[in-house]
């Protein structure tokens, strides 16, 4: 290495080490001075990173990539520095837009974006913001656009970069591009439509896998629907939800599917309402053992089948040993529309203590399971949100109708040793229970009432 360059690099590193030692006492300064130091460091960081422009200019001028049989600067950087191809490409793209150039005759040329390059070299604009600007302007840097407009846009966005953060700068950059090319967003939307994609297929373990690419409009709709349903919950003990972000997203999507199926607005298939066809041995179903098979060949445990059938119509089908249909019957497992309206009038929403989910977010629950002979009658039904519908039993809760015909919940002994029944406050207030009966709520402790209510 050239002695002068090596000494300069060593001096820079020595200054860095000395600064790091001084910064150990940063916490002794007033907060305002600490922030000022951090801002100074950011400018220095930007200036050091801007040295890439100078270094890559030297490598490019000497064709270092070609001499080392690397093909181009991106491959050279990735190989020599051990960085990703994406990071190498980002650095080279920044150099191509902001670095000094030479003509084919060897004459020095100013950078493609000279105003932005000066701001980057001075440390006023970070590499991240510079990338936002160069990528935006590149979409309109082609024949048919006035170079004067590009220069004005570059200057405007460089000034904005000194003031605004990356997200705001992206929005401002889109405005500048739209001003230069009012039709510029149309090709992008068409590209999204061409790239739209959704595929799912069954996996060997009985689940499903797939991939998708959504348009901006479709993605915004799905995000708006899933986000409120994927919030972190709190269980009966007050512990935070242990599901990962991806698991909460999955459960939110399943919740959306349940609601759509309950709504009755799903298009018919082959002249009949959309259906999930599952086959299971009658003895396995009654004993809650074995597994069921879907029409696609996937296997479901009996427990998973019963959850899937929570809101389903059951169609009993008798098969002979060869699989031929001997008899086909039908029995109603779902509550009728009038029964559902009566449930809404009675429960007003999820009946689990402390839950505030409204009726439109709820499923109908058989207090005595339908599979065990429970009837689809008002005195055997209550409304539950999906979370409590699929979790209360495993956590030791029980539900029954009290003397007033209202659902009351028996907490597990670990939560209340006396297992005093609880009625959701919404139901109690709606039916004016304490005043009419002249008694206090059976349990005044607030903790159980809050159980599982938060998302």
Protein backbone atom coordinates (compact mmCIF):
# COMPACT_ATOMS: atom_id res chain seq x y z
CA UNK A 1 0.00 0.00 0.00
CA UNK A 2 1.20 3.52 -0.82
CA UNK A 3 2.92 4.94 2.27
CA UNK A 4 0.93 8.18 2.26
CA UNK A 5 -2.42 6.43 1.88
CA UNK A 6 -1.53 3.85 4.54
CA UNK A 7 -0.48 6.51 7.01
CA UNK A 8 -3.70 8.46 6.38
CA UNK A 9 -5.82 5.35 6.98
CA UNK A 10 -3.89 4.58 10.19
CA UNK A 11 -4.32 8.18 11.35
CA UNK A 12 -8.05 7.96 10.69
CA UNK A 13 -8.30 4.77 12.70
CA UNK A 14 -6.24 6.26 15.55
CA UNK A 15 -8.55 9.28 15.64
CA UNK A 16 -11.52 6.91 15.73
CA UNK A 17 -10.05 5.03 18.71
CA UNK A 18 -9.36 8.27 20.58
CA UNK A 19 -12.89 9.49 19.90
CA UNK A 20 -14.35 6.20 21.12
CA UNK A 21 -12.47 6.64 24.41
CA UNK A 22 -13.80 10.18 24.81
CA UNK A 23 -17.36 9.06 24.04
CA UNK A 24 -17.34 6.80 27.10
CA UNK A 25 -18.14 9.93 29.12
CA UNK A 26 -20.91 11.09 26.78
CA UNK A 27 -23.54 10.28 29.39
CA UNK A 28 -22.10 12.96 31.71
CA UNK A 29 -23.13 15.72 29.29
CA UNK A 30 -26.56 17.36 29.25
CA UNK A 31 -28.99 15.65 26.89
CA UNK A 32 -28.96 18.55 24.43
CA UNK A 33 -25.16 18.33 24.13
CA UNK A 34 -25.34 14.55 23.72
CA UNK A 35 -27.73 14.98 20.79
CA UNK A 36 -25.42 17.63 19.27
CA UNK A 37 -22.49 15.20 19.45
CA UNK A 38 -24.53 12.45 17.81
CA UNK A 39 -25.46 14.86 15.00
CA UNK A 40 -21.79 15.76 14.51
CA UNK A 41 -20.89 12.09 14.38
CA UNK A 42 -23.55 11.51 11.72
CA UNK A 43 -21.95 14.16 9.49
CA UNK A 44 -18.52 12.56 9.98
CA UNK A 45 -19.97 9.11 9.28
CA UNK A 46 -21.50 10.38 6.04
CA UNK A 47 -18.19 11.93 4.98
CA UNK A 48 -16.28 8.72 5.67
CA UNK A 49 -18.82 6.65 3.71
CA UNK A 50 -18.58 9.18 0.88
CA UNK A 51 -14.95 8.10 0.47
CA UNK A 52 -16.42 5.14 -1.45
CA UNK A 53 -17.01 7.52 -4.34
CA UNK A 54 -13.31 8.38 -4.49
CA UNK A 55 -12.10 4.81 -4.00
CA UNK A 56 -14.42 3.37 -6.65
CA UNK A 57 -13.33 6.10 -9.04
CA UNK A 58 -9.74 4.88 -8.71
CA UNK A 59 -10.71 1.24 -9.15
CA UNK A 60 -12.81 2.09 -12.18
CA UNK A 61 -10.14 4.25 -13.81
CA UNK A 62 -7.52 1.51 -13.54
CA UNK A 63 -9.95 -1.26 -14.55
CA UNK A 64 -9.10 -3.16 -11.38
CA UNK A 65 -12.06 -5.52 -11.89
CA UNK A 66 -10.82 -6.50 -15.31
CA UNK A 67 -7.25 -7.02 -14.17
CA UNK A 68 -8.45 -9.32 -11.38
CA UNK A 69 -10.81 -11.21 -13.71
CA UNK A 70 -13.86 -10.11 -11.70
CA UNK A 71 -15.81 -8.78 -14.66
CA UNK A 72 -17.14 -5.61 -13.06
CA UNK A 73 -16.92 -3.45 -9.96
CA UNK A 74 -19.87 -5.15 -8.27
CA UNK A 75 -18.20 -8.55 -8.38
CA UNK A 76 -14.90 -7.08 -7.28
CA UNK A 77 -16.41 -5.41 -4.21
CA UNK A 78 -18.43 -8.46 -3.23
CA UNK A 79 -15.35 -10.69 -3.52
CA UNK A 80 -12.75 -8.40 -1.96
CA UNK A 81 -14.90 -7.03 0.89
CA UNK A 82 -17.08 -10.06 1.62
CA UNK A 83 -20.28 -8.05 1.20
CA UNK A 84 -23.51 -9.09 -0.48
CA UNK A 85 -24.09 -8.55 -4.18
CA UNK A 86 -26.94 -6.21 -3.30
CA UNK A 87 -24.75 -4.01 -1.11
CA UNK A 88 -22.02 -4.02 -3.74
CA UNK A 89 -24.56 -2.97 -6.38
CA UNK A 90 -25.82 -0.14 -4.13
CA UNK A 91 -22.30 1.26 -3.73
CA UNK A 92 -21.52 1.05 -7.43
CA UNK A 93 -24.84 2.70 -8.35
CA UNK A 94 -24.06 5.54 -5.95
CA UNK A 95 -20.63 5.94 -7.56
CA UNK A 96 -22.09 5.96 -11.07
CA UNK A 97 -24.43 8.81 -10.14
CA UNK A 98 -22.31 10.80 -7.68
CA UNK A 99 -18.67 10.00 -8.47
CA UNK A 100 -16.33 12.01 -10.68
CA UNK A 101 -15.99 10.67 -14.22
CA UNK A 102 -13.69 10.90 -17.22
CA UNK A 103 -14.54 11.14 -20.87
CA UNK A 104 -13.26 8.64 -23.44
CA UNK A 105 -10.42 11.10 -24.03
CA UNK A 106 -9.51 11.14 -20.36
CA UNK A 107 -10.93 14.55 -19.59
CA UNK A 108 -12.48 15.01 -16.14
CA UNK A 109 -16.29 15.24 -16.03
CA UNK A 110 -18.57 16.34 -13.23
CA UNK A 111 -20.85 13.74 -11.56
CA UNK A 112 -24.20 12.91 -13.12
CA UNK A 113 -25.85 14.51 -10.07
CA UNK A 114 -23.35 17.23 -9.12
CA UNK A 115 -25.53 19.10 -6.60
CA UNK A 116 -26.37 15.91 -4.72
CA UNK A 117 -22.76 14.70 -4.93
CA UNK A 118 -21.49 17.85 -3.25
CA UNK A 119 -24.01 17.44 -0.43
CA UNK A 120 -22.97 13.80 0.07
CA UNK A 121 -19.25 14.59 0.13
CA UNK A 122 -19.84 17.34 2.70
CA UNK A 123 -21.70 14.89 4.93
CA UNK A 124 -24.97 16.83 4.80
CA UNK A 125 -26.86 14.03 3.02
CA UNK A 126 -26.57 10.36 3.95
CA UNK A 127 -26.06 7.55 1.48
CA UNK A 128 -29.58 6.30 2.22
CA UNK A 129 -31.17 9.60 1.23
CA UNK A 130 -28.90 9.93 -1.80
CA UNK A 131 -30.10 6.53 -2.99
CA UNK A 132 -33.74 7.61 -2.67
CA UNK A 133 -33.06 10.68 -4.82
CA UNK A 134 -30.96 8.96 -7.50
CA UNK A 135 -33.44 6.10 -7.89
CA UNK A 136 -36.35 8.51 -8.21
CA UNK A 137 -34.65 10.73 -10.79
CA UNK A 138 -33.44 7.70 -12.77
CA UNK A 139 -37.08 6.91 -13.66
CA UNK A 140 -37.33 10.17 -15.65
CA UNK A 141 -33.72 10.45 -16.84
CA UNK A 142 -34.37 9.33 -20.41
CA UNK A 143 -35.03 10.84 -23.82
CA UNK A 144 -38.13 12.98 -23.98
CA UNK A 145 -37.64 14.76 -20.66
CA UNK A 146 -36.18 18.22 -20.25
CA UNK A 147 -32.73 18.09 -18.54
CA UNK A 148 -33.55 21.45 -16.95
CA UNK A 149 -36.45 19.81 -15.09
CA UNK A 150 -34.12 17.07 -13.87
CA UNK A 151 -31.61 19.61 -12.59
CA UNK A 152 -34.34 21.56 -10.81
CA UNK A 153 -35.68 18.33 -9.28
CA UNK A 154 -32.20 17.31 -8.11
CA UNK A 155 -31.63 20.67 -6.42
CA UNK A 156 -35.07 20.65 -4.80
CA UNK A 157 -34.72 17.11 -3.44
CA UNK A 158 -31.15 17.73 -2.22
CA UNK A 159 -32.43 20.68 -0.20
CA UNK A 160 -35.29 18.53 1.13
CA UNK A 161 -32.82 15.79 2.12
CA UNK A 162 -31.12 18.20 4.52
CA UNK A 163 -34.39 18.66 6.40
CA UNK A 164 -36.62 15.60 6.00
CA UNK A 165 -36.23 11.95 6.94
CA UNK A 166 -36.14 9.08 4.44
CA UNK A 167 -39.89 8.31 4.47
CA UNK A 168 -40.88 11.93 3.92
CA UNK A 169 -38.17 12.25 1.28
CA UNK A 170 -39.65 9.30 -0.62
CA UNK A 171 -43.01 11.02 -0.75
CA UNK A 172 -41.43 14.28 -1.88
CA UNK A 173 -39.43 12.42 -4.54
CA UNK A 174 -42.63 10.88 -5.92
CA UNK A 175 -44.14 14.36 -6.18
CA UNK A 176 -41.12 15.65 -8.08
CA UNK A 177 -41.20 12.69 -10.48
CA UNK A 178 -44.94 13.14 -11.00
CA UNK A 179 -44.36 16.81 -11.79
CA UNK A 180 -41.71 15.92 -14.37
CA UNK A 181 -43.75 13.06 -15.82
CA UNK A 182 -47.46 13.24 -14.90
CA UNK A 183 -47.98 9.78 -16.44
CA UNK A 184 -45.00 8.27 -14.67
CA UNK A 185 -47.03 6.25 -12.17
CA UNK A 186 -49.07 4.45 -14.80
CA UNK A 187 -46.32 2.07 -16.00
CA UNK A 188 -45.57 1.17 -12.38
CA UNK A 189 -49.20 0.24 -11.73
CA UNK A 190 -49.30 -1.78 -14.94
CA UNK A 191 -46.12 -3.56 -13.87
CA UNK A 192 -47.76 -4.45 -10.55
CA UNK A 193 -50.77 -5.88 -12.36
CA UNK A 194 -48.53 -7.92 -14.64
CA UNK A 195 -46.58 -9.27 -11.65
CA UNK A 196 -49.58 -10.05 -9.46
CA UNK A 197 -49.47 -13.63 -8.28
CA UNK A 198 -51.00 -15.94 -5.69
CA UNK A 199 -50.34 -19.65 -5.36
CA UNK A 200 -50.92 -22.17 -2.60
CA UNK A 201 -50.53 -25.92 -2.50
CA UNK A 202 -50.88 -28.71 0.10
CA UNK A 203 -47.73 -29.87 1.88
CA UNK A 204 -46.76 -33.37 2.98
CA UNK A 205 -47.54 -32.62 6.64
CA UNK A 206 -51.13 -31.64 5.82
CA UNK A 207 -50.63 -27.89 5.86
CA UNK A 208 -50.43 -25.43 3.00
CA UNK A 209 -47.57 -23.40 1.58
CA UNK A 210 -47.37 -20.82 -1.16
CA UNK A 211 -46.20 -17.44 -2.29
CA UNK A 212 -47.80 -14.27 -3.52
CA UNK A 213 -47.12 -10.86 -4.94
CA UNK A 214 -49.93 -8.33 -4.49
CA UNK A 215 -50.67 -5.05 -6.18
CA UNK A 216 -50.45 -1.95 -4.02
CA UNK A 217 -54.24 -1.71 -3.79
CA UNK A 218 -54.75 -5.38 -2.88
CA UNK A 219 -51.89 -5.31 -0.38
CA UNK A 220 -53.25 -2.18 1.31
CA UNK A 221 -56.69 -3.80 1.66
CA UNK A 222 -55.29 -7.03 3.10
CA UNK A 223 -52.99 -5.15 5.47
CA UNK A 224 -55.89 -3.02 6.73
CA UNK A 225 -57.95 -6.16 7.42
CA UNK A 226 -55.20 -8.23 9.05
CA UNK A 227 -53.48 -5.58 11.17
CA UNK A 228 -56.22 -5.14 13.84
CA UNK A 229 -56.72 -8.90 14.09
CA UNK A 230 -53.00 -9.63 14.52
CA UNK A 231 -52.43 -7.53 17.63
CA UNK A 232 -50.72 -9.05 20.67
CA UNK A 233 -53.17 -10.57 23.15
CA UNK A 234 -53.05 -10.95 26.92
CA UNK A 235 -54.05 -14.28 28.47
CA UNK A 236 -55.92 -14.95 31.72
CA UNK A 237 -52.78 -14.67 33.85
CA UNK A 238 -51.80 -11.34 32.30
CA UNK A 239 -48.92 -12.85 30.30
CA UNK A 240 -48.25 -11.46 26.84
CA UNK A 241 -49.08 -13.40 23.70
CA UNK A 242 -46.29 -15.88 22.90
CA UNK A 243 -47.17 -16.19 19.22
CA UNK A 244 -44.61 -14.89 16.76
CA UNK A 245 -45.49 -12.05 14.41
CA UNK A 246 -45.87 -14.51 11.55
CA UNK A 247 -48.15 -16.75 13.62
CA UNK A 248 -50.36 -13.80 14.55
CA UNK A 249 -50.57 -12.83 10.87
CA UNK A 250 -51.59 -16.40 10.00
CA UNK A 251 -54.26 -16.50 12.71
CA UNK A 252 -55.61 -13.13 11.57
CA UNK A 253 -55.95 -14.46 8.01
CA UNK A 254 -57.79 -17.53 9.32
CA UNK A 255 -60.08 -15.24 11.30
CA UNK A 256 -60.87 -13.33 8.11
CA UNK A 257 -61.72 -16.59 6.33
CA UNK A 258 -64.06 -17.59 9.16
CA UNK A 259 -65.87 -14.27 9.01
CA UNK A 260 -66.26 -14.41 5.26
CA UNK A 261 -67.66 -17.93 5.40
CA UNK A 262 -70.10 -16.88 8.13
CA UNK A 263 -71.23 -13.87 6.15
CA UNK A 264 -72.81 -16.02 3.45
CA UNK A 265 -71.48 -13.70 0.76
CA UNK A 266 -69.02 -16.18 -0.75
CA UNK A 267 -69.89 -17.03 -4.38
CA UNK A 268 -71.43 -20.44 -5.05
CA UNK A 269 -69.35 -23.23 -6.56
CA UNK A 270 -71.13 -25.51 -8.98
CA UNK A 271 -74.52 -24.20 -7.89
CA UNK A 272 -74.06 -24.91 -4.17
CA UNK A 273 -72.64 -22.71 -1.41
CA UNK A 274 -68.86 -22.93 -1.04
CA UNK A 275 -68.01 -25.97 1.06
CA UNK A 276 -65.12 -27.76 2.68
CA UNK A 277 -65.62 -31.49 2.15
CA UNK A 278 -64.09 -33.67 4.85
CA UNK A 279 -64.43 -37.44 5.30
CA UNK A 280 -64.03 -39.17 8.67
CA UNK A 281 -65.03 -42.49 10.18
CA UNK A 282 -68.11 -42.10 12.38
CA UNK A 283 -66.47 -43.91 15.29
CA UNK A 284 -63.38 -41.69 15.05
CA UNK A 285 -65.63 -38.65 15.12
CA UNK A 286 -67.61 -39.71 18.18
CA UNK A 287 -64.49 -40.89 20.03
CA UNK A 288 -62.45 -37.84 18.94
CA UNK A 289 -59.67 -40.07 17.67
CA UNK A 290 -58.05 -40.70 14.32
CA UNK A 291 -57.99 -38.22 11.47
CA UNK A 292 -60.12 -36.90 8.64
CA UNK A 293 -59.29 -36.40 4.96
CA UNK A 294 -60.15 -33.33 2.90
CA UNK A 295 -61.15 -33.51 -0.75
CA UNK A 296 -57.57 -32.57 -1.67
CA UNK A 297 -56.16 -35.50 0.31
CA UNK A 298 -54.84 -33.50 3.26
CA UNK A 299 -55.16 -35.04 6.71
CA UNK A 300 -56.81 -33.23 9.64
CA UNK A 301 -56.86 -34.40 13.24
CA UNK A 302 -60.33 -34.89 14.70
CA UNK A 303 -59.74 -31.91 16.99
CA UNK A 304 -58.85 -29.70 14.03
CA UNK A 305 -61.90 -30.97 12.17
CA UNK A 306 -64.21 -30.06 15.05
CA UNK A 307 -62.75 -26.55 15.10
CA UNK A 308 -63.20 -26.27 11.35
CA UNK A 309 -66.80 -27.42 11.67
CA UNK A 310 -67.64 -24.85 14.34
CA UNK A 311 -69.71 -22.84 11.87
CA UNK A 312 -70.38 -25.59 9.35
CA UNK A 313 -73.42 -27.48 8.19
CA UNK A 314 -72.95 -31.20 8.82
CA UNK A 315 -73.99 -33.56 6.01
CA UNK A 316 -73.97 -37.15 7.32
CA UNK A 317 -73.09 -39.58 4.56
CA UNK A 318 -73.23 -43.36 4.95
CA UNK A 319 -70.72 -45.29 2.82
CA UNK A 320 -70.35 -48.99 2.28
CA UNK A 321 -67.04 -50.81 2.56
CA UNK A 322 -66.22 -49.92 -1.04
CA UNK A 323 -66.93 -46.25 -0.48
CA UNK A 324 -70.25 -46.06 -2.33
CA UNK A 325 -72.86 -43.70 -0.90
CA UNK A 326 -75.71 -45.66 0.68
CA UNK A 327 -77.55 -42.80 2.36
CA UNK A 328 -77.28 -39.01 2.48
CA UNK A 329 -78.90 -36.97 5.20
CA UNK A 330 -78.68 -33.46 6.60
CA UNK A 331 -78.99 -31.94 10.03
CA UNK A 332 -78.66 -28.31 11.07
CA UNK A 333 -75.65 -27.50 13.17
CA UNK A 334 -75.56 -23.76 12.43
CA UNK A 335 -77.90 -21.38 14.18
CA UNK A 336 -80.61 -19.99 11.95
CA UNK A 337 -80.74 -16.29 11.13
CA UNK A 338 -83.49 -15.67 13.68
CA UNK A 339 -81.54 -17.59 16.34
CA UNK A 340 -78.44 -15.55 15.56
CA UNK A 341 -80.36 -12.28 15.90
CA UNK A 342 -81.74 -13.46 19.23
CA UNK A 343 -78.18 -14.29 20.38
CA UNK A 344 -77.03 -10.81 19.38
CA UNK A 345 -79.89 -9.25 21.34
CA UNK A 346 -79.02 -11.34 24.41
CA UNK A 347 -75.19 -11.45 24.42
CA UNK A 348 -74.45 -8.21 22.49
CA UNK A 349 -71.05 -9.67 21.55
CA UNK A 350 -68.51 -12.14 22.95
CA UNK A 351 -69.86 -13.38 26.26
CA UNK A 352 -66.47 -14.24 27.75
CA UNK A 353 -65.79 -12.13 30.87
CA UNK A 354 -64.03 -8.89 30.02
CA UNK A 355 -64.09 -9.33 26.23
CA UNK A 356 -65.38 -6.33 24.30
CA UNK A 357 -65.61 -7.81 20.81
CA UNK A 358 -68.92 -6.91 19.12
CA UNK A 359 -71.34 -9.46 17.73
CA UNK A 360 -70.18 -9.11 14.13
CA UNK A 361 -66.79 -10.48 15.20
CA UNK A 362 -68.26 -13.52 16.94
CA UNK A 363 -69.02 -17.18 16.27
CA UNK A 364 -71.86 -19.27 17.70
CA UNK A 365 -70.76 -21.75 20.37
CA UNK A 366 -72.67 -24.85 21.48
CA UNK A 367 -72.49 -24.96 25.28
CA UNK A 368 -73.05 -28.68 25.15
CA UNK A 369 -71.08 -29.80 22.08
CA UNK A 370 -73.20 -30.66 19.07
CA UNK A 371 -71.24 -33.86 18.59
CA UNK A 372 -72.28 -34.91 22.11
CA UNK A 373 -75.96 -34.37 21.42
CA UNK A 374 -76.17 -30.67 22.15
CA UNK A 375 -79.04 -28.96 20.37
CA UNK A 376 -78.85 -25.87 18.21
CA UNK A 377 -81.22 -23.97 20.50
CA UNK A 378 -80.92 -20.60 22.21
CA UNK A 379 -80.55 -22.29 25.60
CA UNK A 380 -77.46 -24.11 24.30
CA UNK A 381 -75.77 -21.29 22.39
CA UNK A 382 -73.65 -18.25 23.16
CA UNK A 383 -71.57 -15.82 21.15
CA UNK A 384 -67.76 -15.96 21.34
CA UNK A 385 -64.99 -14.22 19.47
CA UNK A 386 -62.70 -16.55 17.59
CA UNK A 387 -59.89 -16.29 20.14
CA UNK A 388 -62.02 -17.28 23.13
CA UNK A 389 -63.97 -19.84 21.11
CA UNK A 390 -60.81 -21.80 20.38
CA UNK A 391 -58.95 -21.21 23.65
CA UNK A 392 -61.27 -21.13 26.66
CA UNK A 393 -61.66 -24.90 27.05
CA UNK A 394 -57.94 -25.60 27.00
CA UNK A 395 -57.43 -23.00 29.73
CA UNK A 396 -59.93 -24.55 32.11
CA UNK A 397 -62.98 -22.28 31.69
CA UNK A 398 -66.56 -23.56 31.54
CA UNK A 399 -69.76 -21.86 30.41
CA UNK A 400 -73.42 -22.39 31.27
CA UNK A 401 -76.69 -20.46 31.24
CA UNK A 402 -77.76 -19.13 34.63
CA UNK A 403 -81.28 -18.77 36.03
CA UNK A 404 -81.80 -15.60 34.00
CA UNK A 405 -80.98 -17.45 30.80
CA UNK A 406 -77.69 -15.57 30.42
CA UNK A 407 -74.26 -17.10 29.83
CA UNK A 408 -72.06 -17.22 32.90
CA UNK A 409 -68.49 -18.45 33.05
CA UNK A 410 -66.81 -20.62 35.66
CA UNK A 411 -63.11 -19.72 35.96
CA UNK A 412 -60.48 -22.41 36.54
CA UNK A 413 -59.52 -23.10 40.14
CA UNK A 414 -56.01 -21.70 39.65
CA UNK A 415 -57.58 -18.33 38.86
CA UNK A 416 -60.32 -18.38 41.52
CA UNK A 417 -60.31 -21.16 44.10
CA UNK A 418 -64.02 -20.66 44.79
CA UNK A 419 -64.74 -20.71 41.06
CA UNK A 420 -67.40 -18.03 41.37
CA UNK A 421 -69.39 -17.56 38.14
CA UNK A 422 -68.80 -14.45 36.05
CA UNK A 423 -71.11 -12.65 33.66
CA UNK A 424 -69.68 -10.30 31.06
CA UNK A 425 -70.20 -6.70 32.22
CA UNK A 426 -71.72 -5.76 28.86
CA UNK A 427 -74.41 -8.43 29.30
CA UNK A 428 -74.96 -7.50 32.93
CA UNK A 429 -75.43 -3.83 32.11
CA UNK A 430 -77.60 -4.53 29.07
CA UNK A 431 -79.99 -6.65 31.13
CA UNK A 432 -79.73 -4.51 34.26
CA UNK A 433 -78.98 -7.62 36.32
CA UNK A 434 -77.70 -6.19 39.65
CA UNK A 435 -80.55 -3.71 40.06
CA UNK A 436 -83.28 -6.10 39.00
CA UNK A 437 -82.00 -8.94 41.14
CA UNK A 438 -80.89 -6.73 43.98
CA UNK A 439 -77.52 -8.40 44.30
CA UNK A 440 -73.92 -7.44 43.62
CA UNK A 441 -71.92 -8.99 40.81
CA UNK A 442 -70.74 -12.44 41.94
CA UNK A 443 -67.08 -11.52 41.70
CA UNK A 444 -65.80 -8.01 42.27
CA UNK A 445 -62.14 -8.78 41.57
CA UNK A 446 -61.32 -7.01 38.28
CA UNK A 447 -58.49 -9.25 37.14
CA UNK A 448 -60.59 -12.19 35.86
CA UNK A 449 -62.89 -9.75 34.10
CA UNK A 450 -59.93 -8.50 32.11
CA UNK A 451 -58.80 -11.99 31.20
CA UNK A 452 -58.04 -12.41 27.55
CA UNK A 453 -59.84 -9.22 26.60
CA UNK A 454 -56.88 -7.40 25.09
CA UNK A 455 -55.70 -8.11 21.62
